[in-house]
Amino acid sequence: MFSTQPTKKATNLSLSIDVLDAAKQLNINVSKVCDAYLREVVRLEQSRTWKEQHAEYISAYNSTVEKEGLPLEKWRAF
C-alpha cells in the first residue's frame, strides 16, 4: 500500500504550542510521529471504507456459508 522509503514533501501543520514545545523538549521527531499516525489513520479509514463498499457481498457470502457451510468443508483436516 505505502512505500517503505516514501518521498517526502514539506507541508504546513497547525499544532498546539504546548504539545509542540513538550515534544521538542523530549526530542520527539514531530514529522516522524505525525507521518506514522497519519499512516495508521489512513489505513483504518481505507479498511472501514472497503468494508462499507463490500458490505453487501460480505453479507451475501456469510448468508451462503450459514446455509451451505464452508466451501470444501468435507476435506478440512482441522
N, C-alpha and C. Protein backbone atom coordinates (compact mmCIF):
# COMPACT_ATOMS: atom_id res chain seq x y z
N MET A 1 0.82 -1.18 0.00
CA MET A 1 0.00 0.00 0.00
C MET A 1 0.87 1.25 0.00
N PHE A 2 1.75 1.36 0.99
CA PHE A 2 2.63 2.51 1.08
C PHE A 2 4.07 2.06 0.88
N SER A 3 4.86 2.92 0.32
CA SER A 3 6.27 2.65 0.10
C SER A 3 7.00 2.62 1.44
N THR A 4 8.01 1.74 1.53
CA THR A 4 8.81 1.70 2.76
C THR A 4 9.80 2.87 2.79
N GLN A 5 10.14 3.42 1.66
CA GLN A 5 11.00 4.59 1.57
C GLN A 5 10.26 5.68 0.80
N PRO A 6 9.28 6.30 1.44
CA PRO A 6 8.46 7.27 0.72
C PRO A 6 9.21 8.55 0.40
N THR A 7 8.78 9.18 -0.66
CA THR A 7 9.28 10.51 -0.98
C THR A 7 8.59 11.47 -0.03
N LYS A 8 9.34 12.37 0.51
CA LYS A 8 8.78 13.31 1.49
C LYS A 8 8.43 14.63 0.81
N LYS A 9 7.45 15.30 1.37
CA LYS A 9 7.04 16.62 0.88
C LYS A 9 6.81 17.51 2.09
N ALA A 10 7.40 18.69 2.07
CA ALA A 10 7.21 19.64 3.16
C ALA A 10 5.76 20.12 3.14
N THR A 11 5.20 20.29 4.33
CA THR A 11 3.84 20.77 4.45
C THR A 11 3.71 21.62 5.70
N ASN A 12 2.66 22.37 5.79
CA ASN A 12 2.41 23.19 6.97
C ASN A 12 1.36 22.53 7.83
N LEU A 13 1.60 22.47 9.12
CA LEU A 13 0.65 21.93 10.08
C LEU A 13 0.42 22.96 11.17
N SER A 14 -0.78 22.96 11.70
CA SER A 14 -1.06 23.78 12.87
C SER A 14 -1.14 22.85 14.07
N LEU A 15 -0.23 23.04 15.01
CA LEU A 15 -0.16 22.18 16.19
C LEU A 15 -0.26 23.04 17.43
N SER A 16 -0.76 22.46 18.49
CA SER A 16 -0.86 23.16 19.77
C SER A 16 0.55 23.49 20.26
N ILE A 17 0.74 24.72 20.65
CA ILE A 17 2.06 25.19 21.06
C ILE A 17 2.60 24.40 22.25
N ASP A 18 1.75 24.13 23.23
CA ASP A 18 2.23 23.43 24.43
C ASP A 18 2.69 22.01 24.10
N VAL A 19 1.97 21.34 23.22
CA VAL A 19 2.34 19.97 22.85
C VAL A 19 3.62 19.99 22.01
N LEU A 20 3.71 20.94 21.09
CA LEU A 20 4.91 21.04 20.25
C LEU A 20 6.13 21.35 21.11
N ASP A 21 5.99 22.26 22.06
CA ASP A 21 7.12 22.58 22.96
C ASP A 21 7.53 21.37 23.78
N ALA A 22 6.55 20.63 24.30
CA ALA A 22 6.86 19.43 25.10
C ALA A 22 7.55 18.39 24.23
N ALA A 23 7.09 18.22 23.01
CA ALA A 23 7.71 17.25 22.09
C ALA A 23 9.16 17.63 21.82
N LYS A 24 9.40 18.91 21.59
CA LYS A 24 10.78 19.36 21.34
C LYS A 24 11.67 19.11 22.56
N GLN A 25 11.14 19.37 23.76
CA GLN A 25 11.92 19.14 24.98
C GLN A 25 12.25 17.66 25.16
N LEU A 26 11.38 16.80 24.67
CA LEU A 26 11.60 15.36 24.77
C LEU A 26 12.33 14.78 23.56
N ASN A 27 12.78 15.65 22.67
CA ASN A 27 13.49 15.25 21.45
C ASN A 27 12.66 14.30 20.59
N ILE A 28 11.37 14.55 20.52
CA ILE A 28 10.48 13.74 19.69
C ILE A 28 10.49 14.30 18.27
N ASN A 29 10.68 13.43 17.30
CA ASN A 29 10.67 13.83 15.90
C ASN A 29 9.20 13.99 15.48
N VAL A 30 8.73 15.23 15.47
CA VAL A 30 7.33 15.53 15.21
C VAL A 30 6.92 15.06 13.82
N SER A 31 7.75 15.25 12.84
CA SER A 31 7.42 14.82 11.47
C SER A 31 7.24 13.31 11.41
N LYS A 32 8.13 12.59 12.05
CA LYS A 32 8.06 11.13 12.04
C LYS A 32 6.79 10.64 12.74
N VAL A 33 6.48 11.24 13.90
CA VAL A 33 5.29 10.84 14.65
C VAL A 33 4.02 11.17 13.86
N CYS A 34 3.96 12.37 13.30
CA CYS A 34 2.79 12.76 12.51
C CYS A 34 2.61 11.83 11.32
N ASP A 35 3.70 11.51 10.63
CA ASP A 35 3.64 10.62 9.47
C ASP A 35 3.15 9.23 9.87
N ALA A 36 3.69 8.70 10.96
CA ALA A 36 3.29 7.36 11.41
C ALA A 36 1.82 7.34 11.82
N TYR A 37 1.38 8.35 12.55
CA TYR A 37 -0.01 8.38 12.99
C TYR A 37 -0.95 8.56 11.81
N LEU A 38 -0.59 9.44 10.88
CA LEU A 38 -1.43 9.65 9.70
C LEU A 38 -1.52 8.38 8.86
N ARG A 39 -0.42 7.65 8.75
CA ARG A 39 -0.45 6.37 8.04
C ARG A 39 -1.46 5.41 8.67
N GLU A 40 -1.47 5.35 10.00
CA GLU A 40 -2.40 4.47 10.70
C GLU A 40 -3.84 4.93 10.51
N VAL A 41 -4.09 6.22 10.58
CA VAL A 41 -5.43 6.76 10.37
C VAL A 41 -5.90 6.45 8.95
N VAL A 42 -5.03 6.63 7.97
CA VAL A 42 -5.37 6.32 6.58
C VAL A 42 -5.66 4.83 6.42
N ARG A 43 -4.85 3.97 7.02
CA ARG A 43 -5.06 2.53 6.92
C ARG A 43 -6.42 2.14 7.51
N LEU A 44 -6.74 2.68 8.67
CA LEU A 44 -8.02 2.37 9.30
C LEU A 44 -9.20 2.87 8.46
N GLU A 45 -9.07 4.06 7.91
CA GLU A 45 -10.14 4.62 7.09
C GLU A 45 -10.31 3.83 5.79
N GLN A 46 -9.20 3.40 5.19
CA GLN A 46 -9.30 2.57 3.98
C GLN A 46 -9.98 1.24 4.30
N SER A 47 -9.67 0.67 5.44
CA SER A 47 -10.30 -0.58 5.86
C SER A 47 -11.80 -0.38 6.07
N ARG A 48 -12.16 0.69 6.77
CA ARG A 48 -13.57 0.98 7.02
C ARG A 48 -14.32 1.20 5.70
N THR A 49 -13.71 1.96 4.80
CA THR A 49 -14.34 2.25 3.51
C THR A 49 -14.51 0.97 2.70
N TRP A 50 -13.48 0.10 2.70
CA TRP A 50 -13.57 -1.16 1.95
C TRP A 50 -14.72 -2.01 2.49
N LYS A 51 -14.81 -2.11 3.82
CA LYS A 51 -15.88 -2.90 4.43
C LYS A 51 -17.24 -2.32 4.08
N GLU A 52 -17.35 -1.02 4.07
CA GLU A 52 -18.61 -0.36 3.73
C GLU A 52 -18.97 -0.63 2.27
N GLN A 53 -18.00 -0.52 1.39
CA GLN A 53 -18.25 -0.72 -0.04
C GLN A 53 -18.58 -2.17 -0.37
N HIS A 54 -18.10 -3.11 0.43
CA HIS A 54 -18.29 -4.53 0.16
C HIS A 54 -19.26 -5.20 1.14
N ALA A 55 -19.99 -4.40 1.90
CA ALA A 55 -20.89 -4.94 2.93
C ALA A 55 -21.93 -5.88 2.33
N GLU A 56 -22.46 -5.55 1.17
CA GLU A 56 -23.48 -6.40 0.56
C GLU A 56 -22.90 -7.76 0.18
N TYR A 57 -21.71 -7.78 -0.40
CA TYR A 57 -21.06 -9.03 -0.77
C TYR A 57 -20.75 -9.86 0.48
N ILE A 58 -20.20 -9.21 1.50
CA ILE A 58 -19.85 -9.91 2.74
C ILE A 58 -21.09 -10.53 3.37
N SER A 59 -22.17 -9.79 3.40
CA SER A 59 -23.41 -10.29 3.97
C SER A 59 -23.93 -11.48 3.17
N ALA A 60 -23.89 -11.38 1.84
CA ALA A 60 -24.35 -12.48 0.99
C ALA A 60 -23.48 -13.72 1.19
N TYR A 61 -22.18 -13.55 1.28
CA TYR A 61 -21.26 -14.67 1.48
C TYR A 61 -21.53 -15.34 2.83
N ASN A 62 -21.67 -14.51 3.88
CA ASN A 62 -21.94 -15.06 5.21
C ASN A 62 -23.26 -15.83 5.23
N SER A 63 -24.24 -15.31 4.55
CA SER A 63 -25.53 -15.98 4.47
C SER A 63 -25.40 -17.34 3.77
N THR A 64 -24.65 -17.37 2.69
CA THR A 64 -24.42 -18.62 1.95
C THR A 64 -23.69 -19.63 2.82
N VAL A 65 -22.68 -19.19 3.55
CA VAL A 65 -21.92 -20.09 4.43
C VAL A 65 -22.83 -20.63 5.54
N GLU A 66 -23.70 -19.79 6.07
CA GLU A 66 -24.63 -20.25 7.10
C GLU A 66 -25.56 -21.34 6.57
N LYS A 67 -26.02 -21.16 5.34
CA LYS A 67 -26.97 -22.11 4.74
C LYS A 67 -26.28 -23.37 4.23
N GLU A 68 -25.12 -23.21 3.58
CA GLU A 68 -24.48 -24.32 2.87
C GLU A 68 -23.20 -24.82 3.51
N GLY A 69 -22.71 -24.12 4.50
CA GLY A 69 -21.42 -24.47 5.10
C GLY A 69 -20.26 -23.89 4.30
N LEU A 70 -19.08 -24.16 4.78
CA LEU A 70 -17.88 -23.65 4.10
C LEU A 70 -17.60 -24.45 2.84
N PRO A 71 -17.10 -23.77 1.79
CA PRO A 71 -16.70 -24.49 0.60
C PRO A 71 -15.58 -25.49 0.95
N LEU A 72 -15.63 -26.65 0.39
CA LEU A 72 -14.61 -27.69 0.59
C LEU A 72 -14.52 -28.16 2.05
N GLU A 73 -15.56 -27.93 2.85
CA GLU A 73 -15.53 -28.26 4.27
C GLU A 73 -15.27 -29.74 4.54
N LYS A 74 -15.76 -30.60 3.65
CA LYS A 74 -15.59 -32.04 3.90
C LYS A 74 -14.13 -32.48 3.80
N TRP A 75 -13.26 -31.66 3.22
CA TRP A 75 -11.85 -32.01 3.10
C TRP A 75 -11.00 -31.33 4.18
N ARG A 76 -11.62 -30.61 5.11
CA ARG A 76 -10.86 -29.94 6.18
C ARG A 76 -10.22 -30.99 7.08
N ALA A 77 -8.99 -30.73 7.46
CA ALA A 77 -8.27 -31.65 8.34
C ALA A 77 -8.24 -31.13 9.78
N PHE A 78 -8.90 -30.04 10.05
CA PHE A 78 -8.89 -29.48 11.42
C PHE A 78 -10.28 -29.12 11.85
